[in-house]
Amino acid sequence: MIESWVVDDGSSLPVSSETVRDTLQARADGGQYETWLSSSSGRLLAFVTNTKRASVSLLDGEGEPGEHAVDPGAEGSSEGFILSNGQHDEYPDEDTVPLEEAFRFVGCILRKGSWPDDAHWVVDR
């Protein structure tokens, strides 16, 4: 089954692997650094950026811990991750990926339903 995805903000407009990068970038440019996408099969994809790095998490459903992209060997941490509730977070760089990688990961998940073959991710379940 091929999933369809929408931005989980009450919108019913589909987001494709070809348009998701522009959608996420436009939201960040407009000050919306946290974006949730929901799929037709009930899965959720969380994208939170500070415009340099991003946290990308894939969940099987609401309340499920899921899995998230990692950058093995990255050192330090980055701040500036602003959630939709106004909370400002700082994440270890190992638990985030460079922004362009994050866009690529999200595009692949929307296109084929899973992480790219060369992605590093951990299961949080």
PDB file of N, CA and C in Angstrom:
ATOM      1  N   MET A   1       0.840  -1.182   0.000  1.00  0.00           N
ATOM      2  CA  MET A   1       0.000   0.000   0.000  1.00  0.00           C
ATOM      3  C   MET A   1       0.886   1.246   0.000  1.00  0.00           C
ATOM      4  N   ILE A   2       0.627   2.152  -0.870  1.00  0.00           N
ATOM      5  CA  ILE A   2       1.348   3.412  -0.928  1.00  0.00           C
ATOM      6  C   ILE A   2       0.636   4.402  -0.017  1.00  0.00           C
ATOM      7  N   GLU A   3       1.407   5.018   0.865  1.00  0.00           N
ATOM      8  CA  GLU A   3       0.846   5.984   1.794  1.00  0.00           C
ATOM      9  C   GLU A   3       0.775   7.364   1.154  1.00  0.00           C
ATOM     10  N   SER A   4      -0.207   8.115   1.586  1.00  0.00           N
ATOM     11  CA  SER A   4      -0.224   9.536   1.252  1.00  0.00           C
ATOM     12  C   SER A   4       0.022  10.280   2.568  1.00  0.00           C
ATOM     13  N   TRP A   5       0.621  11.462   2.458  1.00  0.00           N
ATOM     14  CA  TRP A   5       1.012  12.228   3.638  1.00  0.00           C
ATOM     15  C   TRP A   5       0.440  13.633   3.565  1.00  0.00           C
ATOM     16  N   VAL A   6       0.089  14.192   4.733  1.00  0.00           N
ATOM     17  CA  VAL A   6      -0.348  15.578   4.848  1.00  0.00           C
ATOM     18  C   VAL A   6       0.353  16.213   6.043  1.00  0.00           C
ATOM     19  N   VAL A   7       0.506  17.542   5.989  1.00  0.00           N
ATOM     20  CA  VAL A   7       0.993  18.261   7.160  1.00  0.00           C
ATOM     21  C   VAL A   7      -0.123  18.196   8.190  1.00  0.00           C
ATOM     22  N   ASP A   8       0.209  17.775   9.396  1.00  0.00           N
ATOM     23  CA  ASP A   8      -0.787  17.563  10.444  1.00  0.00           C
ATOM     24  C   ASP A   8      -1.115  18.882  11.147  1.00  0.00           C
ATOM     25  N   ASP A   9      -1.735  19.783  10.398  1.00  0.00           N
ATOM     26  CA  ASP A   9      -2.142  21.080  10.950  1.00  0.00           C
ATOM     27  C   ASP A   9      -3.578  21.403  10.548  1.00  0.00           C
ATOM     28  N   GLY A  10      -4.337  20.353  10.246  1.00  0.00           N
ATOM     29  CA  GLY A  10      -5.704  20.536   9.801  1.00  0.00           C
ATOM     30  C   GLY A  10      -5.842  20.631   8.291  1.00  0.00           C
ATOM     31  N   SER A  11      -4.693  20.646   7.603  1.00  0.00           N
ATOM     32  CA  SER A  11      -4.695  20.736   6.150  1.00  0.00           C
ATOM     33  C   SER A  11      -5.019  19.370   5.549  1.00  0.00           C
ATOM     34  N   SER A  12      -5.681  19.376   4.436  1.00  0.00           N
ATOM     35  CA  SER A  12      -5.952  18.109   3.759  1.00  0.00           C
ATOM     36  C   SER A  12      -5.181  18.008   2.447  1.00  0.00           C
ATOM     37  N   LEU A  13      -4.310  18.994   2.197  1.00  0.00           N
ATOM     38  CA  LEU A  13      -3.527  18.961   0.968  1.00  0.00           C
ATOM     39  C   LEU A  13      -2.384  17.962   1.109  1.00  0.00           C
ATOM     40  N   PRO A  14      -2.254  17.047   0.171  1.00  0.00           N
ATOM     41  CA  PRO A  14      -1.179  16.061   0.258  1.00  0.00           C
ATOM     42  C   PRO A  14       0.199  16.695   0.054  1.00  0.00           C
ATOM     43  N   VAL A  15       1.184  16.091   0.687  1.00  0.00           N
ATOM     44  CA  VAL A  15       2.585  16.485   0.530  1.00  0.00           C
ATOM     45  C   VAL A  15       3.294  15.290  -0.084  1.00  0.00           C
ATOM     46  N   SER A  16       4.012  15.510  -1.171  1.00  0.00           N
ATOM     47  CA  SER A  16       4.709  14.409  -1.842  1.00  0.00           C
ATOM     48  C   SER A  16       6.197  14.474  -1.538  1.00  0.00           C
ATOM     49  N   SER A  17       6.900  13.431  -1.922  1.00  0.00           N
ATOM     50  CA  SER A  17       8.353  13.420  -1.747  1.00  0.00           C
ATOM     51  C   SER A  17       9.006  14.522  -2.565  1.00  0.00           C
ATOM     52  N   GLU A  18       8.364  14.930  -3.649  1.00  0.00           N
ATOM     53  CA  GLU A  18       8.906  15.987  -4.496  1.00  0.00           C
ATOM     54  C   GLU A  18       8.679  17.389  -3.918  1.00  0.00           C
ATOM     55  N   THR A  19       7.645  17.561  -3.102  1.00  0.00           N
ATOM     56  CA  THR A  19       7.319  18.889  -2.579  1.00  0.00           C
ATOM     57  C   THR A  19       7.636  19.067  -1.098  1.00  0.00           C
ATOM     58  N   VAL A  20       7.978  17.990  -0.407  1.00  0.00           N
ATOM     59  CA  VAL A  20       8.131  18.079   1.044  1.00  0.00           C
ATOM     60  C   VAL A  20       9.275  18.994   1.461  1.00  0.00           C
ATOM     61  N   ARG A  21      10.371  19.004   0.723  1.00  0.00           N
ATOM     62  CA  ARG A  21      11.490  19.878   1.082  1.00  0.00           C
ATOM     63  C   ARG A  21      11.048  21.335   1.070  1.00  0.00           C
ATOM     64  N   ASP A  22      10.378  21.748  -0.011  1.00  0.00           N
ATOM     65  CA  ASP A  22       9.913  23.128  -0.121  1.00  0.00           C
ATOM     66  C   ASP A  22       8.886  23.447   0.965  1.00  0.00           C
ATOM     67  N   THR A  23       8.029  22.490   1.279  1.00  0.00           N
ATOM     68  CA  THR A  23       7.021  22.691   2.322  1.00  0.00           C
ATOM     69  C   THR A  23       7.684  22.913   3.670  1.00  0.00           C
ATOM     70  N   LEU A  24       8.635  22.038   4.023  1.00  0.00           N
ATOM     71  CA  LEU A  24       9.322  22.167   5.304  1.00  0.00           C
ATOM     72  C   LEU A  24      10.149  23.448   5.374  1.00  0.00           C
ATOM     73  N   GLN A  25      10.821  23.784   4.279  1.00  0.00           N
ATOM     74  CA  GLN A  25      11.639  24.997   4.248  1.00  0.00           C
ATOM     75  C   GLN A  25      10.766  26.243   4.390  1.00  0.00           C
ATOM     76  N   ALA A  26       9.639  26.270   3.698  1.00  0.00           N
ATOM     77  CA  ALA A  26       8.730  27.422   3.781  1.00  0.00           C
ATOM     78  C   ALA A  26       8.180  27.582   5.196  1.00  0.00           C
ATOM     79  N   ARG A  27       7.868  26.472   5.843  1.00  0.00           N
ATOM     80  CA  ARG A  27       7.365  26.553   7.218  1.00  0.00           C
ATOM     81  C   ARG A  27       8.451  27.097   8.144  1.00  0.00           C
ATOM     82  N   ALA A  28       9.672  26.613   8.012  1.00  0.00           N
ATOM     83  CA  ALA A  28      10.773  27.111   8.847  1.00  0.00           C
ATOM     84  C   ALA A  28      11.042  28.588   8.564  1.00  0.00           C
ATOM     85  N   ASP A  29      11.016  28.956   7.288  1.00  0.00           N
ATOM     86  CA  ASP A  29      11.218  30.372   6.925  1.00  0.00           C
ATOM     87  C   ASP A  29      10.147  31.265   7.551  1.00  0.00           C
ATOM     88  N   GLY A  30       8.971  30.698   7.765  1.00  0.00           N
ATOM     89  CA  GLY A  30       7.868  31.439   8.379  1.00  0.00           C
ATOM     90  C   GLY A  30       7.820  31.313   9.899  1.00  0.00           C
ATOM     91  N   GLY A  31       8.858  30.702  10.493  1.00  0.00           N
ATOM     92  CA  GLY A  31       8.928  30.581  11.946  1.00  0.00           C
ATOM     93  C   GLY A  31       8.298  29.334  12.524  1.00  0.00           C
ATOM     94  N   GLN A  32       7.889  28.395  11.680  1.00  0.00           N
ATOM     95  CA  GLN A  32       7.323  27.133  12.154  1.00  0.00           C
ATOM     96  C   GLN A  32       8.413  26.064  12.038  1.00  0.00           C
ATOM     97  N   TYR A  33       9.147  25.860  13.132  1.00  0.00           N
ATOM     98  CA  TYR A  33      10.307  24.969  13.114  1.00  0.00           C
ATOM     99  C   TYR A  33       9.948  23.519  13.399  1.00  0.00           C
ATOM    100  N   GLU A  34       8.745  23.297  13.887  1.00  0.00           N
ATOM    101  CA  GLU A  34       8.271  21.938  14.158  1.00  0.00           C
ATOM    102  C   GLU A  34       7.142  21.613  13.189  1.00  0.00           C
ATOM    103  N   THR A  35       7.270  20.505  12.474  1.00  0.00           N
ATOM    104  CA  THR A  35       6.232  20.065  11.548  1.00  0.00           C
ATOM    105  C   THR A  35       5.974  18.583  11.765  1.00  0.00           C
ATOM    106  N   TRP A  36       4.725  18.240  11.869  1.00  0.00           N
ATOM    107  CA  TRP A  36       4.305  16.842  11.930  1.00  0.00           C
ATOM    108  C   TRP A  36       3.580  16.512  10.637  1.00  0.00           C
ATOM    109  N   LEU A  37       3.943  15.389  10.056  1.00  0.00           N
ATOM    110  CA  LEU A  37       3.248  14.859   8.885  1.00  0.00           C
ATOM    111  C   LEU A  37       2.530  13.592   9.321  1.00  0.00           C
ATOM    112  N   SER A  38       1.322  13.388   8.824  1.00  0.00           N
ATOM    113  CA  SER A  38       0.596  12.153   9.129  1.00  0.00           C
ATOM    114  C   SER A  38       0.275  11.440   7.824  1.00  0.00           C
ATOM    115  N   SER A  39       0.339  10.114   7.909  1.00  0.00           N
ATOM    116  CA  SER A  39       0.109   9.312   6.708  1.00  0.00           C
ATOM    117  C   SER A  39      -1.274   8.685   6.726  1.00  0.00           C
ATOM    118  N   SER A  40      -1.679   8.233   5.561  1.00  0.00           N
ATOM    119  CA  SER A  40      -2.981   7.592   5.409  1.00  0.00           C
ATOM    120  C   SER A  40      -3.058   6.276   6.181  1.00  0.00           C
ATOM    121  N   SER A  41      -1.903   5.723   6.578  1.00  0.00           N
ATOM    122  CA  SER A  41      -1.906   4.479   7.345  1.00  0.00           C
ATOM    123  C   SER A  41      -1.759   4.738   8.843  1.00  0.00           C
ATOM    124  N   GLY A  42      -1.745   6.018   9.250  1.00  0.00           N
ATOM    125  CA  GLY A  42      -1.677   6.350  10.666  1.00  0.00           C
ATOM    126  C   GLY A  42      -0.287   6.621  11.206  1.00  0.00           C
ATOM    127  N   ARG A  43       0.728   6.492  10.347  1.00  0.00           N
ATOM    128  CA  ARG A  43       2.075   6.791  10.816  1.00  0.00           C
ATOM    129  C   ARG A  43       2.280   8.302  10.916  1.00  0.00           C
ATOM    130  N   LEU A  44       3.252   8.697  11.732  1.00  0.00           N
ATOM    131  CA  LEU A  44       3.569  10.103  11.933  1.00  0.00           C
ATOM    132  C   LEU A  44       5.049  10.329  11.689  1.00  0.00           C
ATOM    133  N   LEU A  45       5.365  11.482  11.158  1.00  0.00           N
ATOM    134  CA  LEU A  45       6.744  11.870  10.885  1.00  0.00           C
ATOM    135  C   LEU A  45       6.945  13.261  11.490  1.00  0.00           C
ATOM    136  N   ALA A  46       7.879  13.354  12.438  1.00  0.00           N
ATOM    137  CA  ALA A  46       8.163  14.629  13.094  1.00  0.00           C
ATOM    138  C   ALA A  46       9.454  15.209  12.542  1.00  0.00           C
ATOM    139  N   PHE A  47       9.425  16.502  12.259  1.00  0.00           N
ATOM    140  CA  PHE A  47      10.576  17.233  11.735  1.00  0.00           C
ATOM    141  C   PHE A  47      10.693  18.509  12.554  1.00  0.00           C
ATOM    142  N   VAL A  48      11.815  18.648  13.271  1.00  0.00           N
ATOM    143  CA  VAL A  48      12.066  19.856  14.063  1.00  0.00           C
ATOM    144  C   VAL A  48      13.445  20.365  13.675  1.00  0.00           C
ATOM    145  N   THR A  49      13.530  21.638  13.304  1.00  0.00           N
ATOM    146  CA  THR A  49      14.801  22.179  12.826  1.00  0.00           C
ATOM    147  C   THR A  49      15.180  23.458  13.570  1.00  0.00           C
ATOM    148  N   ASN A  50      16.475  23.722  13.564  1.00  0.00           N
ATOM    149  CA  ASN A  50      16.978  25.022  14.018  1.00  0.00           C
ATOM    150  C   ASN A  50      17.571  25.769  12.824  1.00  0.00           C
ATOM    151  N   THR A  51      17.260  25.320  11.635  1.00  0.00           N
ATOM    152  CA  THR A  51      17.664  25.801  10.310  1.00  0.00           C
ATOM    153  C   THR A  51      19.061  25.341   9.897  1.00  0.00           C
ATOM    154  N   LYS A  52      19.795  24.683  10.793  1.00  0.00           N
ATOM    155  CA  LYS A  52      21.093  24.102  10.437  1.00  0.00           C
ATOM    156  C   LYS A  52      21.076  22.589  10.560  1.00  0.00           C
ATOM    157  N   ARG A  53      20.381  22.098  11.553  1.00  0.00           N
ATOM    158  CA  ARG A  53      20.238  20.668  11.802  1.00  0.00           C
ATOM    159  C   ARG A  53      18.756  20.381  12.021  1.00  0.00           C
ATOM    160  N   ALA A  54      18.406  19.096  11.991  1.00  0.00           N
ATOM    161  CA  ALA A  54      17.006  18.736  12.227  1.00  0.00           C
ATOM    162  C   ALA A  54      16.913  17.403  12.952  1.00  0.00           C
ATOM    163  N   SER A  55      15.888  17.292  13.742  1.00  0.00           N
ATOM    164  CA  SER A  55      15.507  16.036  14.368  1.00  0.00           C
ATOM    165  C   SER A  55      14.404  15.445  13.493  1.00  0.00           C
ATOM    166  N   VAL A  56      14.581  14.192  13.089  1.00  0.00           N
ATOM    167  CA  VAL A  56      13.592  13.514  12.254  1.00  0.00           C
ATOM    168  C   VAL A  56      13.193  12.221  12.958  1.00  0.00           C
ATOM    169  N   SER A  57      11.911  12.071  13.272  1.00  0.00           N
ATOM    170  CA  SER A  57      11.407  10.875  13.954  1.00  0.00           C
ATOM    171  C   SER A  57      10.248  10.287  13.172  1.00  0.00           C
ATOM    172  N   LEU A  58      10.218   8.967  13.107  1.00  0.00           N
ATOM    173  CA  LEU A  58       9.153   8.234  12.424  1.00  0.00           C
ATOM    174  C   LEU A  58       8.463   7.349  13.453  1.00  0.00           C
ATOM    175  N   LEU A  59       7.147   7.519  13.590  1.00  0.00           N
ATOM    176  CA  LEU A  59       6.365   6.785  14.577  1.00  0.00           C
ATOM    177  C   LEU A  59       5.294   5.960  13.871  1.00  0.00           C
ATOM    178  N   ASP A  60       5.008   4.789  14.417  1.00  0.00           N
ATOM    179  CA  ASP A  60       3.957   3.951  13.841  1.00  0.00           C
ATOM    180  C   ASP A  60       2.566   4.486  14.151  1.00  0.00           C
ATOM    181  N   GLY A  61       2.445   5.349  15.142  1.00  0.00           N
ATOM    182  CA  GLY A  61       1.169   5.942  15.500  1.00  0.00           C
ATOM    183  C   GLY A  61       1.337   6.884  16.673  1.00  0.00           C
ATOM    184  N   GLU A  62       0.265   7.568  17.026  1.00  0.00           N
ATOM    185  CA  GLU A  62       0.300   8.539  18.113  1.00  0.00           C
ATOM    186  C   GLU A  62       0.652   7.855  19.431  1.00  0.00           C
ATOM    187  N   GLY A  63       1.583   8.453  20.176  1.00  0.00           N
ATOM    188  CA  GLY A  63       1.984   7.915  21.462  1.00  0.00           C
ATOM    189  C   GLY A  63       3.034   6.825  21.392  1.00  0.00           C
ATOM    190  N   GLU A  64       3.400   6.409  20.209  1.00  0.00           N
ATOM    191  CA  GLU A  64       4.391   5.352  20.015  1.00  0.00           C
ATOM    192  C   GLU A  64       5.772   6.002  19.966  1.00  0.00           C
ATOM    193  N   PRO A  65       6.792   5.444  20.667  1.00  0.00           N
ATOM    194  CA  PRO A  65       8.111   6.085  20.703  1.00  0.00           C
ATOM    195  C   PRO A  65       8.813   6.184  19.351  1.00  0.00           C
ATOM    196  N   GLY A  66       8.629   5.211  18.484  1.00  0.00           N
ATOM    197  CA  GLY A  66       9.183   5.284  17.131  1.00  0.00           C
ATOM    198  C   GLY A  66      10.676   5.114  17.030  1.00  0.00           C
ATOM    199  N   GLU A  67      11.238   5.825  16.073  1.00  0.00           N
ATOM    200  CA  GLU A  67      12.668   5.764  15.760  1.00  0.00           C
ATOM    201  C   GLU A  67      13.088   7.130  15.248  1.00  0.00           C
ATOM    202  N   HIS A  68      14.387   7.438  15.386  1.00  0.00           N
ATOM    203  CA  HIS A  68      14.830   8.752  14.930  1.00  0.00           C
ATOM    204  C   HIS A  68      16.193   8.684  14.268  1.00  0.00           C
ATOM    205  N   ALA A  69      16.431   9.625  13.368  1.00  0.00           N
ATOM    206  CA  ALA A  69      17.694   9.722  12.645  1.00  0.00           C
ATOM    207  C   ALA A  69      18.789  10.173  13.594  1.00  0.00           C
ATOM    208  N   VAL A  70      19.996   9.634  13.387  1.00  0.00           N
ATOM    209  CA  VAL A  70      21.153  10.015  14.201  1.00  0.00           C
ATOM    210  C   VAL A  70      22.341  10.312  13.304  1.00  0.00           C
ATOM    211  N   ASP A  71      23.301  10.997  13.879  1.00  0.00           N
ATOM    212  CA  ASP A  71      24.547  11.358  13.209  1.00  0.00           C
ATOM    213  C   ASP A  71      25.685  10.804  14.063  1.00  0.00           C
ATOM    214  N   PRO A  72      26.005   9.495  13.896  1.00  0.00           N
ATOM    215  CA  PRO A  72      27.009   8.860  14.748  1.00  0.00           C
ATOM    216  C   PRO A  72      28.333   9.620  14.722  1.00  0.00           C
ATOM    217  N   GLY A  73      28.892   9.804  15.895  1.00  0.00           N
ATOM    218  CA  GLY A  73      30.176  10.475  15.988  1.00  0.00           C
ATOM    219  C   GLY A  73      30.098  11.984  16.066  1.00  0.00           C
ATOM    220  N   ALA A  74      28.908  12.552  15.836  1.00  0.00           N
ATOM    221  CA  ALA A  74      28.775  14.009  15.952  1.00  0.00           C
ATOM    222  C   ALA A  74      28.989  14.398  17.410  1.00  0.00           C
ATOM    223  N   GLU A  75      29.668  15.496  17.608  1.00  0.00           N
ATOM    224  CA  GLU A  75      29.959  15.943  18.972  1.00  0.00           C
ATOM    225  C   GLU A  75      29.286  17.273  19.243  1.00  0.00           C
ATOM    226  N   GLY A  76      29.023  17.506  20.503  1.00  0.00           N
ATOM    227  CA  GLY A  76      28.416  18.756  20.913  1.00  0.00           C
ATOM    228  C   GLY A  76      26.907  18.706  20.859  1.00  0.00           C
ATOM    229  N   SER A  77      26.325  19.875  20.946  1.00  0.00           N
ATOM    230  CA  SER A  77      24.874  19.992  20.886  1.00  0.00           C
ATOM    231  C   SER A  77      24.519  21.304  20.190  1.00  0.00           C
ATOM    232  N   SER A  78      23.267  21.389  19.786  1.00  0.00           N
ATOM    233  CA  SER A  78      22.778  22.591  19.104  1.00  0.00           C
ATOM    234  C   SER A  78      21.494  23.031  19.765  1.00  0.00           C
ATOM    235  N   GLU A  79      21.328  24.338  19.862  1.00  0.00           N
ATOM    236  CA  GLU A  79      20.089  24.876  20.403  1.00  0.00           C
ATOM    237  C   GLU A  79      19.311  25.555  19.286  1.00  0.00           C
ATOM    238  N   GLY A  80      18.190  26.119  19.652  1.00  0.00           N
ATOM    239  CA  GLY A  80      17.388  26.828  18.661  1.00  0.00           C
ATOM    240  C   GLY A  80      16.279  25.996  18.057  1.00  0.00           C
ATOM    241  N   PHE A  81      16.015  24.821  18.627  1.00  0.00           N
ATOM    242  CA  PHE A  81      14.906  23.994  18.159  1.00  0.00           C
ATOM    243  C   PHE A  81      13.657  24.480  18.893  1.00  0.00           C
ATOM    244  N   ILE A  82      12.804  25.223  18.187  1.00  0.00           N
ATOM    245  CA  ILE A  82      11.636  25.834  18.804  1.00  0.00           C
ATOM    246  C   ILE A  82      10.401  25.013  18.439  1.00  0.00           C
ATOM    247  N   LEU A  83       9.780  24.455  19.460  1.00  0.00           N
ATOM    248  CA  LEU A  83       8.595  23.632  19.252  1.00  0.00           C
ATOM    249  C   LEU A  83       7.361  24.513  19.083  1.00  0.00           C
ATOM    250  N   SER A  84       6.300  23.921  18.573  1.00  0.00           N
ATOM    251  CA  SER A  84       5.084  24.687  18.290  1.00  0.00           C
ATOM    252  C   SER A  84       4.450  25.249  19.549  1.00  0.00           C
ATOM    253  N   ASN A  85       4.755  24.683  20.723  1.00  0.00           N
ATOM    254  CA  ASN A  85       4.212  25.216  21.977  1.00  0.00           C
ATOM    255  C   ASN A  85       5.087  26.336  22.551  1.00  0.00           C
ATOM    256  N   GLY A  86       6.122  26.742  21.801  1.00  0.00           N
ATOM    257  CA  GLY A  86       7.002  27.813  22.230  1.00  0.00           C
ATOM    258  C   GLY A  86       8.230  27.360  22.998  1.00  0.00           C
ATOM    259  N   GLN A  87       8.292  26.085  23.333  1.00  0.00           N
ATOM    260  CA  GLN A  87       9.434  25.537  24.071  1.00  0.00           C
ATOM    261  C   GLN A  87      10.688  25.591  23.212  1.00  0.00           C
ATOM    262  N   HIS A  88      11.796  26.033  23.797  1.00  0.00           N
ATOM    263  CA  HIS A  88      13.092  26.091  23.117  1.00  0.00           C
ATOM    264  C   HIS A  88      13.918  24.909  23.593  1.00  0.00           C
ATOM    265  N   ASP A  89      14.342  24.055  22.663  1.00  0.00           N
ATOM    266  CA  ASP A  89      15.100  22.864  23.018  1.00  0.00           C
ATOM    267  C   ASP A  89      16.520  22.915  22.490  1.00  0.00           C
ATOM    268  N   GLU A  90      17.365  22.155  23.160  1.00  0.00           N
ATOM    269  CA  GLU A  90      18.739  21.914  22.721  1.00  0.00           C
ATOM    270  C   GLU A  90      18.886  20.403  22.624  1.00  0.00           C
ATOM    271  N   TYR A  91      19.442  19.926  21.506  1.00  0.00           N
ATOM    272  CA  TYR A  91      19.604  18.495  21.293  1.00  0.00           C
ATOM    273  C   TYR A  91      21.070  18.164  21.060  1.00  0.00           C
ATOM    274  N   PRO A  92      21.503  16.983  21.505  1.00  0.00           N
ATOM    275  CA  PRO A  92      22.845  16.536  21.144  1.00  0.00           C
ATOM    276  C   PRO A  92      22.923  16.411  19.617  1.00  0.00           C
ATOM    277  N   ASP A  93      24.032  16.856  19.033  1.00  0.00           N
ATOM    278  CA  ASP A  93      24.180  16.762  17.573  1.00  0.00           C
ATOM    279  C   ASP A  93      24.094  15.316  17.094  1.00  0.00           C
ATOM    280  N   GLU A  94      24.431  14.377  17.948  1.00  0.00           N
ATOM    281  CA  GLU A  94      24.332  12.968  17.578  1.00  0.00           C
ATOM    282  C   GLU A  94      22.884  12.542  17.337  1.00  0.00           C
ATOM    283  N   ASP A  95      21.922  13.255  17.949  1.00  0.00           N
ATOM    284  CA  ASP A  95      20.503  12.931  17.795  1.00  0.00           C
ATOM    285  C   ASP A  95      19.802  13.776  16.741  1.00  0.00           C
ATOM    286  N   THR A  96      20.574  14.543  15.979  1.00  0.00           N
ATOM    287  CA  THR A  96      20.039  15.332  14.873  1.00  0.00           C
ATOM    288  C   THR A  96      20.940  15.101  13.665  1.00  0.00           C
ATOM    289  N   VAL A  97      20.507  15.573  12.525  1.00  0.00           N
ATOM    290  CA  VAL A  97      21.306  15.437  11.301  1.00  0.00           C
ATOM    291  C   VAL A  97      21.354  16.792  10.603  1.00  0.00           C
ATOM    292  N   PRO A  98      22.375  17.012   9.757  1.00  0.00           N
ATOM    293  CA  PRO A  98      22.413  18.261   8.992  1.00  0.00           C
ATOM    294  C   PRO A  98      21.117  18.433   8.191  1.00  0.00           C
ATOM    295  N   LEU A  99      20.707  19.670   8.013  1.00  0.00           N
ATOM    296  CA  LEU A  99      19.415  19.978   7.411  1.00  0.00           C
ATOM    297  C   LEU A  99      19.201  19.304   6.058  1.00  0.00           C
ATOM    298  N   GLU A 100      20.184  19.358   5.171  1.00  0.00           N
ATOM    299  CA  GLU A 100      20.003  18.738   3.850  1.00  0.00           C
ATOM    300  C   GLU A 100      19.800  17.227   3.950  1.00  0.00           C
ATOM    301  N   GLU A 101      20.496  16.586   4.902  1.00  0.00           N
ATOM    302  CA  GLU A 101      20.291  15.153   5.127  1.00  0.00           C
ATOM    303  C   GLU A 101      18.858  14.911   5.588  1.00  0.00           C
ATOM    304  N   ALA A 102      18.383  15.754   6.496  1.00  0.00           N
ATOM    305  CA  ALA A 102      17.027  15.606   7.020  1.00  0.00           C
ATOM    306  C   ALA A 102      15.994  15.703   5.897  1.00  0.00           C
ATOM    307  N   PHE A 103      16.169  16.684   5.011  1.00  0.00           N
ATOM    308  CA  PHE A 103      15.250  16.797   3.866  1.00  0.00           C
ATOM    309  C   PHE A 103      15.279  15.523   3.024  1.00  0.00           C
ATOM    310  N   ARG A 104      16.466  14.988   2.801  1.00  0.00           N
ATOM    311  CA  ARG A 104      16.605  13.762   2.001  1.00  0.00           C
ATOM    312  C   ARG A 104      15.927  12.576   2.691  1.00  0.00           C
ATOM    313  N   PHE A 105      16.117  12.463   4.002  1.00  0.00           N
ATOM    314  CA  PHE A 105      15.507  11.367   4.756  1.00  0.00           C
ATOM    315  C   PHE A 105      13.985  11.441   4.680  1.00  0.00           C
ATOM    316  N   VAL A 106      13.441  12.631   4.906  1.00  0.00           N
ATOM    317  CA  VAL A 106      11.986  12.798   4.873  1.00  0.00           C
ATOM    318  C   VAL A 106      11.453  12.484   3.477  1.00  0.00           C
ATOM    319  N   GLY A 107      12.120  12.967   2.450  1.00  0.00           N
ATOM    320  CA  GLY A 107      11.693  12.671   1.082  1.00  0.00           C
ATOM    321  C   GLY A 107      11.668  11.191   0.796  1.00  0.00           C
ATOM    322  N   CYS A 108      12.678  10.477   1.254  1.00  0.00           N
ATOM    323  CA  CYS A 108      12.741   9.025   1.038  1.00  0.00           C
ATOM    324  C   CYS A 108      11.617   8.309   1.780  1.00  0.00           C
ATOM    325  N   ILE A 109      11.350   8.723   3.017  1.00  0.00           N
ATOM    326  CA  ILE A 109      10.268   8.096   3.783  1.00  0.00           C
ATOM    327  C   ILE A 109       8.935   8.314   3.076  1.00  0.00           C
ATOM    328  N   LEU A 110       8.696   9.497   2.562  1.00  0.00           N
ATOM    329  CA  LEU A 110       7.452   9.751   1.842  1.00  0.00           C
ATOM    330  C   LEU A 110       7.382   8.974   0.533  1.00  0.00           C
ATOM    331  N   ARG A 111       8.531   8.783  -0.119  1.00  0.00           N
ATOM    332  CA  ARG A 111       8.569   8.094  -1.408  1.00  0.00           C
ATOM    333  C   ARG A 111       8.450   6.585  -1.273  1.00  0.00           C
ATOM    334  N   LYS A 112       9.232   5.990  -0.346  1.00  0.00           N
ATOM    335  CA  LYS A 112       9.255   4.521  -0.284  1.00  0.00           C
ATOM    336  C   LYS A 112       8.820   3.934   1.049  1.00  0.00           C
ATOM    337  N   GLY A 113       8.504   4.805   2.019  1.00  0.00           N
ATOM    338  CA  GLY A 113       7.973   4.330   3.290  1.00  0.00           C
ATOM    339  C   GLY A 113       8.999   3.975   4.339  1.00  0.00           C
ATOM    340  N   SER A 114      10.284   4.171   4.028  1.00  0.00           N
ATOM    341  CA  SER A 114      11.325   3.818   4.994  1.00  0.00           C
ATOM    342  C   SER A 114      12.541   4.718   4.822  1.00  0.00           C
ATOM    343  N   TRP A 115      13.456   4.605   5.765  1.00  0.00           N
ATOM    344  CA  TRP A 115      14.686   5.391   5.743  1.00  0.00           C
ATOM    345  C   TRP A 115      15.525   5.038   4.523  1.00  0.00           C
ATOM    346  N   PRO A 116      16.346   5.961   4.048  1.00  0.00           N
ATOM    347  CA  PRO A 116      17.291   5.620   2.979  1.00  0.00           C
ATOM    348  C   PRO A 116      18.241   4.520   3.455  1.00  0.00           C
ATOM    349  N   ASP A 117      18.744   3.745   2.527  1.00  0.00           N
ATOM    350  CA  ASP A 117      19.636   2.636   2.885  1.00  0.00           C
ATOM    351  C   ASP A 117      20.880   3.099   3.627  1.00  0.00           C
ATOM    352  N   ASP A 118      21.346   4.310   3.350  1.00  0.00           N
ATOM    353  CA  ASP A 118      22.570   4.793   3.990  1.00  0.00           C
ATOM    354  C   ASP A 118      22.302   5.636   5.242  1.00  0.00           C
ATOM    355  N   ALA A 119      21.054   5.719   5.667  1.00  0.00           N
ATOM    356  CA  ALA A 119      20.707   6.517   6.855  1.00  0.00           C
ATOM    357  C   ALA A 119      21.090   5.767   8.121  1.00  0.00           C
ATOM    358  N   HIS A 120      21.434   6.538   9.132  1.00  0.00           N
ATOM    359  CA  HIS A 120      21.653   5.981  10.464  1.00  0.00           C
ATOM    360  C   HIS A 120      20.464   6.406  11.313  1.00  0.00           C
ATOM    361  N   TRP A 121      19.852   5.449  11.996  1.00  0.00           N
ATOM    362  CA  TRP A 121      18.711   5.747  12.850  1.00  0.00           C
ATOM    363  C   TRP A 121      18.668   4.744  13.990  1.00  0.00           C
ATOM    364  N   VAL A 122      18.019   5.127  15.059  1.00  0.00           N
ATOM    365  CA  VAL A 122      17.890   4.248  16.212  1.00  0.00           C
ATOM    366  C   VAL A 122      16.416   4.053  16.533  1.00  0.00           C
ATOM    367  N   VAL A 123      16.126   2.890  17.062  1.00  0.00           N
ATOM    368  CA  VAL A 123      14.766   2.553  17.467  1.00  0.00           C
ATOM    369  C   VAL A 123      14.595   2.985  18.919  1.00  0.00           C
ATOM    370  N   ASP A 124      13.554   3.751  19.185  1.00  0.00           N
ATOM    371  CA  ASP A 124      13.283   4.254  20.527  1.00  0.00           C
ATOM    372  C   ASP A 124      12.223   3.433  21.261  1.00  0.00           C
ATOM    373  N   ARG A 125      11.741   2.394  20.630  1.00  0.00           N
ATOM    374  CA  ARG A 125      10.674   1.565  21.230  1.00  0.00           C
ATOM    375  C   ARG A 125      11.198   0.778  22.399  1.00  0.00           C
TER     376      ARG A 125
END
